[in-house]
Amino acid sequence: MTRTITFAIAAASLAIGGAAVAQDRPARADRTADVTRAAAETRATATFARMDANSDGVLNAADREARARTMFAAQDANGDGLLSFEEMQAHRTQMRSERGENGQRMMRRGHRGMAGMGMRGTRSADAELTAAQFTAAALARFDAADADDNGTVTAAERRSQWQERRQDRAENRRGQRPAQ
């Protein structure tokens, strides 16, 4: 029984992003459009509210557990509290059918979940992130992308920042970056 529960929790944890991806969301904004700082702040606030499952103003283990339970429930087609091989295969097939253009996986389109929201490097199970920290991290990323400091990030600025990050990652993989 313990092994079954452990396996079920592990399976749900592995697929944690699927339910969030499967939810109906408003269409993404035009990626070539300019983004103002106010719009970035509004989006960060809305994203935080969506991720804060219990609406307590903090992203923590309770929110992660609620998300895992939602994922598990979405995969547990017959509602028996166990994931069968067939249920896992059905979920896998569904996720593959929802891949983006060019076969992109839904969770790897430049989004890193909480790691991209200021939780990078946090290994503690009780790590917490407040709405203010979440928004500050989003605005810090915005400010880094706003090369001319005019309060608007253009498509050219986003492309330039993307190319810089891509080059940094390539250098890190080759071990050419000195230790900091």
C-alpha atoms as a PDB file:
ATOM      1  CA  MET A   1       0.000   0.000   0.000  1.00  0.00           C
ATOM      2  CA  THR A   2       2.808   2.403   0.903  1.00  0.00           C
ATOM      3  CA  ARG A   3       4.576   1.631  -2.362  1.00  0.00           C
ATOM      4  CA  THR A   4       1.393   2.334  -4.311  1.00  0.00           C
ATOM      5  CA  ILE A   5       0.887   5.680  -2.603  1.00  0.00           C
ATOM      6  CA  THR A   6       4.557   6.571  -3.062  1.00  0.00           C
ATOM      7  CA  PHE A   7       4.373   5.625  -6.736  1.00  0.00           C
ATOM      8  CA  ALA A   8       1.186   7.643  -7.198  1.00  0.00           C
ATOM      9  CA  ILE A   9       2.703  10.728  -5.588  1.00  0.00           C
ATOM     10  CA  ALA A  10       5.889  10.321  -7.620  1.00  0.00           C
ATOM     11  CA  ALA A  11       3.933  10.004 -10.854  1.00  0.00           C
ATOM     12  CA  ALA A  12       1.886  13.081 -10.000  1.00  0.00           C
ATOM     13  CA  SER A  13       5.026  15.019  -9.136  1.00  0.00           C
ATOM     14  CA  LEU A  14       6.656  14.113 -12.439  1.00  0.00           C
ATOM     15  CA  ALA A  15       3.693  15.418 -14.349  1.00  0.00           C
ATOM     16  CA  ILE A  16       3.080  18.498 -12.196  1.00  0.00           C
ATOM     17  CA  GLY A  17       2.981  20.922 -15.094  1.00  0.00           C
ATOM     18  CA  GLY A  18       0.421  19.115 -17.241  1.00  0.00           C
ATOM     19  CA  ALA A  19      -2.766  20.304 -15.563  1.00  0.00           C
ATOM     20  CA  ALA A  20      -1.607  23.891 -15.587  1.00  0.00           C
ATOM     21  CA  VAL A  21      -0.803  23.597 -19.257  1.00  0.00           C
ATOM     22  CA  ALA A  22      -4.064  21.839 -20.023  1.00  0.00           C
ATOM     23  CA  GLN A  23      -6.165  24.585 -18.437  1.00  0.00           C
ATOM     24  CA  ASP A  24      -7.896  27.012 -20.725  1.00  0.00           C
ATOM     25  CA  ARG A  25      -5.935  30.207 -20.764  1.00  0.00           C
ATOM     26  CA  PRO A  26      -6.332  33.440 -22.595  1.00  0.00           C
ATOM     27  CA  ALA A  27      -4.320  33.567 -25.789  1.00  0.00           C
ATOM     28  CA  ARG A  28      -0.772  34.802 -25.412  1.00  0.00           C
ATOM     29  CA  ALA A  29      -0.148  38.372 -26.325  1.00  0.00           C
ATOM     30  CA  ASP A  30       1.591  39.151 -29.573  1.00  0.00           C
ATOM     31  CA  ARG A  31       5.251  38.351 -28.959  1.00  0.00           C
ATOM     32  CA  THR A  32       6.361  41.135 -31.266  1.00  0.00           C
ATOM     33  CA  ALA A  33       4.386  43.804 -29.414  1.00  0.00           C
ATOM     34  CA  ASP A  34       6.089  46.227 -27.077  1.00  0.00           C
ATOM     35  CA  VAL A  35       5.549  45.562 -23.358  1.00  0.00           C
ATOM     36  CA  THR A  36       5.384  48.361 -20.816  1.00  0.00           C
ATOM     37  CA  ARG A  37       6.573  48.052 -17.229  1.00  0.00           C
ATOM     38  CA  ALA A  38       2.981  48.476 -16.021  1.00  0.00           C
ATOM     39  CA  ALA A  39       1.834  45.622 -18.271  1.00  0.00           C
ATOM     40  CA  ALA A  40       4.655  43.412 -16.957  1.00  0.00           C
ATOM     41  CA  GLU A  41       3.628  44.181 -13.385  1.00  0.00           C
ATOM     42  CA  THR A  42      -0.032  43.438 -14.147  1.00  0.00           C
ATOM     43  CA  ARG A  43       0.908  40.127 -15.743  1.00  0.00           C
ATOM     44  CA  ALA A  44       3.123  39.180 -12.779  1.00  0.00           C
ATOM     45  CA  THR A  45       0.270  39.936 -10.370  1.00  0.00           C
ATOM     46  CA  ALA A  46      -2.185  37.843 -12.390  1.00  0.00           C
ATOM     47  CA  THR A  47       0.297  34.961 -12.695  1.00  0.00           C
ATOM     48  CA  PHE A  48       0.924  34.993  -8.952  1.00  0.00           C
ATOM     49  CA  ALA A  49      -2.808  34.941  -8.237  1.00  0.00           C
ATOM     50  CA  ARG A  50      -3.233  31.938 -10.559  1.00  0.00           C
ATOM     51  CA  MET A  51      -0.376  30.043  -8.882  1.00  0.00           C
ATOM     52  CA  ASP A  52      -1.474  30.871  -5.310  1.00  0.00           C
ATOM     53  CA  ALA A  53      -3.927  27.976  -4.949  1.00  0.00           C
ATOM     54  CA  ASN A  54      -5.041  28.811  -1.407  1.00  0.00           C
ATOM     55  CA  SER A  55      -5.008  32.601  -1.918  1.00  0.00           C
ATOM     56  CA  ASP A  56      -2.873  33.241   1.157  1.00  0.00           C
ATOM     57  CA  GLY A  57      -0.506  35.631  -0.628  1.00  0.00           C
ATOM     58  CA  VAL A  58       2.446  33.227  -0.471  1.00  0.00           C
ATOM     59  CA  LEU A  59       3.629  30.516  -2.856  1.00  0.00           C
ATOM     60  CA  ASN A  60       4.733  27.619  -0.657  1.00  0.00           C
ATOM     61  CA  ALA A  61       4.536  23.865  -0.119  1.00  0.00           C
ATOM     62  CA  ALA A  62       0.750  24.038   0.300  1.00  0.00           C
ATOM     63  CA  ASP A  63       0.389  25.559  -3.171  1.00  0.00           C
ATOM     64  CA  ARG A  64       2.765  22.989  -4.654  1.00  0.00           C
ATOM     65  CA  GLU A  65       0.795  20.183  -3.009  1.00  0.00           C
ATOM     66  CA  ALA A  66      -2.510  21.578  -4.282  1.00  0.00           C
ATOM     67  CA  ARG A  67      -1.044  21.736  -7.777  1.00  0.00           C
ATOM     68  CA  ALA A  68       0.231  18.143  -7.472  1.00  0.00           C
ATOM     69  CA  ARG A  69      -3.169  16.966  -6.265  1.00  0.00           C
ATOM     70  CA  THR A  70      -4.870  18.731  -9.173  1.00  0.00           C
ATOM     71  CA  MET A  71      -2.455  17.056 -11.577  1.00  0.00           C
ATOM     72  CA  PHE A  72      -3.027  13.680  -9.983  1.00  0.00           C
ATOM     73  CA  ALA A  73      -6.803  14.083 -10.135  1.00  0.00           C
ATOM     74  CA  ALA A  74      -6.584  15.041 -13.808  1.00  0.00           C
ATOM     75  CA  GLN A  75      -4.650  11.853 -14.557  1.00  0.00           C
ATOM     76  CA  ASP A  76      -6.726   9.548 -12.340  1.00  0.00           C
ATOM     77  CA  ALA A  77      -9.486   8.989 -14.918  1.00  0.00           C
ATOM     78  CA  ASN A  78     -11.498   6.510 -12.859  1.00  0.00           C
ATOM     79  CA  GLY A  79     -11.094   8.401  -9.565  1.00  0.00           C
ATOM     80  CA  ASP A  80      -9.865   5.397  -7.580  1.00  0.00           C
ATOM     81  CA  GLY A  81      -6.893   7.241  -6.090  1.00  0.00           C
ATOM     82  CA  LEU A  82      -4.387   5.149  -8.028  1.00  0.00           C
ATOM     83  CA  LEU A  83      -2.695   5.740 -11.349  1.00  0.00           C
ATOM     84  CA  SER A  84      -2.724   2.751 -13.625  1.00  0.00           C
ATOM     85  CA  PHE A  85      -0.308   2.291 -16.484  1.00  0.00           C
ATOM     86  CA  GLU A  86      -3.180   2.966 -18.900  1.00  0.00           C
ATOM     87  CA  GLU A  87      -4.023   6.265 -17.168  1.00  0.00           C
ATOM     88  CA  MET A  88      -0.396   7.375 -17.327  1.00  0.00           C
ATOM     89  CA  GLN A  89      -0.190   6.408 -21.004  1.00  0.00           C
ATOM     90  CA  ALA A  90      -3.408   8.298 -21.760  1.00  0.00           C
ATOM     91  CA  HIS A  91      -2.012  11.390 -20.041  1.00  0.00           C
ATOM     92  CA  ARG A  92       1.255  11.051 -21.946  1.00  0.00           C
ATOM     93  CA  THR A  93      -0.641  10.776 -25.234  1.00  0.00           C
ATOM     94  CA  GLN A  94      -2.697  13.854 -24.344  1.00  0.00           C
ATOM     95  CA  MET A  95       0.412  15.869 -23.474  1.00  0.00           C
ATOM     96  CA  ARG A  96       2.075  14.880 -26.737  1.00  0.00           C
ATOM     97  CA  SER A  97      -1.001  15.951 -28.689  1.00  0.00           C
ATOM     98  CA  GLU A  98      -0.846  19.357 -26.990  1.00  0.00           C
ATOM     99  CA  ARG A  99       2.728  20.070 -28.005  1.00  0.00           C
ATOM    100  CA  GLY A 100       3.310  23.404 -29.593  1.00  0.00           C
ATOM    101  CA  GLU A 101       4.462  24.255 -33.046  1.00  0.00           C
ATOM    102  CA  ASN A 102       7.605  22.387 -34.093  1.00  0.00           C
ATOM    103  CA  GLY A 103       6.975  19.759 -31.391  1.00  0.00           C
ATOM    104  CA  GLN A 104       7.893  22.038 -28.491  1.00  0.00           C
ATOM    105  CA  ARG A 105       7.039  20.722 -25.064  1.00  0.00           C
ATOM    106  CA  MET A 106       4.587  22.906 -23.231  1.00  0.00           C
ATOM    107  CA  MET A 107       6.756  23.410 -20.148  1.00  0.00           C
ATOM    108  CA  ARG A 108       9.932  24.261 -22.053  1.00  0.00           C
ATOM    109  CA  ARG A 109       9.008  27.363 -23.951  1.00  0.00           C
ATOM    110  CA  GLY A 110      11.240  29.616 -21.938  1.00  0.00           C
ATOM    111  CA  HIS A 111       9.287  29.161 -18.707  1.00  0.00           C
ATOM    112  CA  ARG A 112      10.936  27.680 -15.669  1.00  0.00           C
ATOM    113  CA  GLY A 113       8.105  27.747 -13.178  1.00  0.00           C
ATOM    114  CA  MET A 114       9.150  29.097  -9.813  1.00  0.00           C
ATOM    115  CA  ALA A 115      12.834  28.939 -10.767  1.00  0.00           C
ATOM    116  CA  GLY A 116      12.212  31.818 -13.131  1.00  0.00           C
ATOM    117  CA  MET A 117      10.285  33.671 -10.461  1.00  0.00           C
ATOM    118  CA  GLY A 118      13.057  34.120  -7.948  1.00  0.00           C
ATOM    119  CA  MET A 119      13.107  30.609  -6.462  1.00  0.00           C
ATOM    120  CA  ARG A 120      16.149  29.444  -8.437  1.00  0.00           C
ATOM    121  CA  GLY A 121      18.583  27.617  -6.193  1.00  0.00           C
ATOM    122  CA  THR A 122      16.027  27.116  -3.445  1.00  0.00           C
ATOM    123  CA  ARG A 123      16.064  23.503  -2.332  1.00  0.00           C
ATOM    124  CA  SER A 124      14.073  23.811   0.870  1.00  0.00           C
ATOM    125  CA  ALA A 125      10.681  22.095   0.841  1.00  0.00           C
ATOM    126  CA  ASP A 126       9.290  24.975   2.902  1.00  0.00           C
ATOM    127  CA  ALA A 127      10.583  27.726   0.632  1.00  0.00           C
ATOM    128  CA  GLU A 128       8.099  30.562   0.293  1.00  0.00           C
ATOM    129  CA  LEU A 129       7.707  33.360  -2.188  1.00  0.00           C
ATOM    130  CA  THR A 130       5.494  36.345  -1.431  1.00  0.00           C
ATOM    131  CA  ALA A 131       3.567  38.327  -4.010  1.00  0.00           C
ATOM    132  CA  ALA A 132       5.976  41.244  -3.516  1.00  0.00           C
ATOM    133  CA  GLN A 133       9.023  39.012  -4.126  1.00  0.00           C
ATOM    134  CA  PHE A 134       7.362  37.444  -7.152  1.00  0.00           C
ATOM    135  CA  THR A 135       6.535  40.822  -8.678  1.00  0.00           C
ATOM    136  CA  ALA A 136       9.985  42.214  -7.830  1.00  0.00           C
ATOM    137  CA  ALA A 137      11.637  39.292  -9.627  1.00  0.00           C
ATOM    138  CA  ALA A 138       9.419  39.841 -12.682  1.00  0.00           C
ATOM    139  CA  LEU A 139      10.203  43.562 -12.734  1.00  0.00           C
ATOM    140  CA  ALA A 140      13.931  42.861 -12.322  1.00  0.00           C
ATOM    141  CA  ARG A 141      13.772  40.677 -15.423  1.00  0.00           C
ATOM    142  CA  PHE A 142      11.837  43.422 -17.206  1.00  0.00           C
ATOM    143  CA  ASP A 143      14.416  46.043 -16.221  1.00  0.00           C
ATOM    144  CA  ALA A 144      17.248  43.804 -17.419  1.00  0.00           C
ATOM    145  CA  ALA A 145      15.541  43.490 -20.805  1.00  0.00           C
ATOM    146  CA  ASP A 146      14.801  47.228 -21.086  1.00  0.00           C
ATOM    147  CA  ALA A 147      18.159  48.196 -22.573  1.00  0.00           C
ATOM    148  CA  ASP A 148      17.338  51.872 -23.115  1.00  0.00           C
ATOM    149  CA  ASP A 149      15.528  52.309 -19.760  1.00  0.00           C
ATOM    150  CA  ASN A 150      12.462  53.900 -21.331  1.00  0.00           C
ATOM    151  CA  GLY A 151       9.937  51.684 -19.516  1.00  0.00           C
ATOM    152  CA  THR A 152       9.105  49.646 -22.617  1.00  0.00           C
ATOM    153  CA  VAL A 153      10.655  46.414 -23.839  1.00  0.00           C
ATOM    154  CA  THR A 154      10.592  46.102 -27.604  1.00  0.00           C
ATOM    155  CA  ALA A 155      10.874  42.964 -29.707  1.00  0.00           C
ATOM    156  CA  ALA A 156      14.431  43.994 -30.605  1.00  0.00           C
ATOM    157  CA  GLU A 157      15.379  44.286 -26.910  1.00  0.00           C
ATOM    158  CA  ARG A 158      13.858  40.870 -26.169  1.00  0.00           C
ATOM    159  CA  ARG A 159      15.738  39.336 -29.099  1.00  0.00           C
ATOM    160  CA  SER A 160      19.005  40.925 -27.960  1.00  0.00           C
ATOM    161  CA  GLN A 161      18.551  39.669 -24.398  1.00  0.00           C
ATOM    162  CA  TRP A 162      17.673  36.196 -25.672  1.00  0.00           C
ATOM    163  CA  GLN A 163      20.834  36.098 -27.785  1.00  0.00           C
ATOM    164  CA  GLU A 164      22.965  37.179 -24.802  1.00  0.00           C
ATOM    165  CA  ARG A 165      21.445  34.481 -22.578  1.00  0.00           C
ATOM    166  CA  ARG A 166      21.913  31.897 -25.317  1.00  0.00           C
ATOM    167  CA  GLN A 167      25.581  32.826 -25.641  1.00  0.00           C
ATOM    168  CA  ASP A 168      26.053  32.706 -21.850  1.00  0.00           C
ATOM    169  CA  ARG A 169      24.498  29.239 -21.678  1.00  0.00           C
ATOM    170  CA  ALA A 170      26.710  28.019 -24.522  1.00  0.00           C
ATOM    171  CA  GLU A 171      29.812  29.347 -22.745  1.00  0.00           C
ATOM    172  CA  ASN A 172      28.726  27.703 -19.494  1.00  0.00           C
ATOM    173  CA  ARG A 173      28.299  24.360 -21.248  1.00  0.00           C
ATOM    174  CA  ARG A 174      31.781  24.616 -22.738  1.00  0.00           C
ATOM    175  CA  GLY A 175      33.255  25.594 -19.383  1.00  0.00           C
ATOM    176  CA  GLN A 176      34.640  28.850 -20.752  1.00  0.00           C
ATOM    177  CA  ARG A 177      33.105  31.035 -18.104  1.00  0.00           C
ATOM    178  CA  PRO A 178      35.382  31.756 -15.126  1.00  0.00           C
ATOM    179  CA  ALA A 179      34.112  30.766 -11.675  1.00  0.00           C
ATOM    180  CA  GLN A 180      32.348  33.611  -9.906  1.00  0.00           C
END
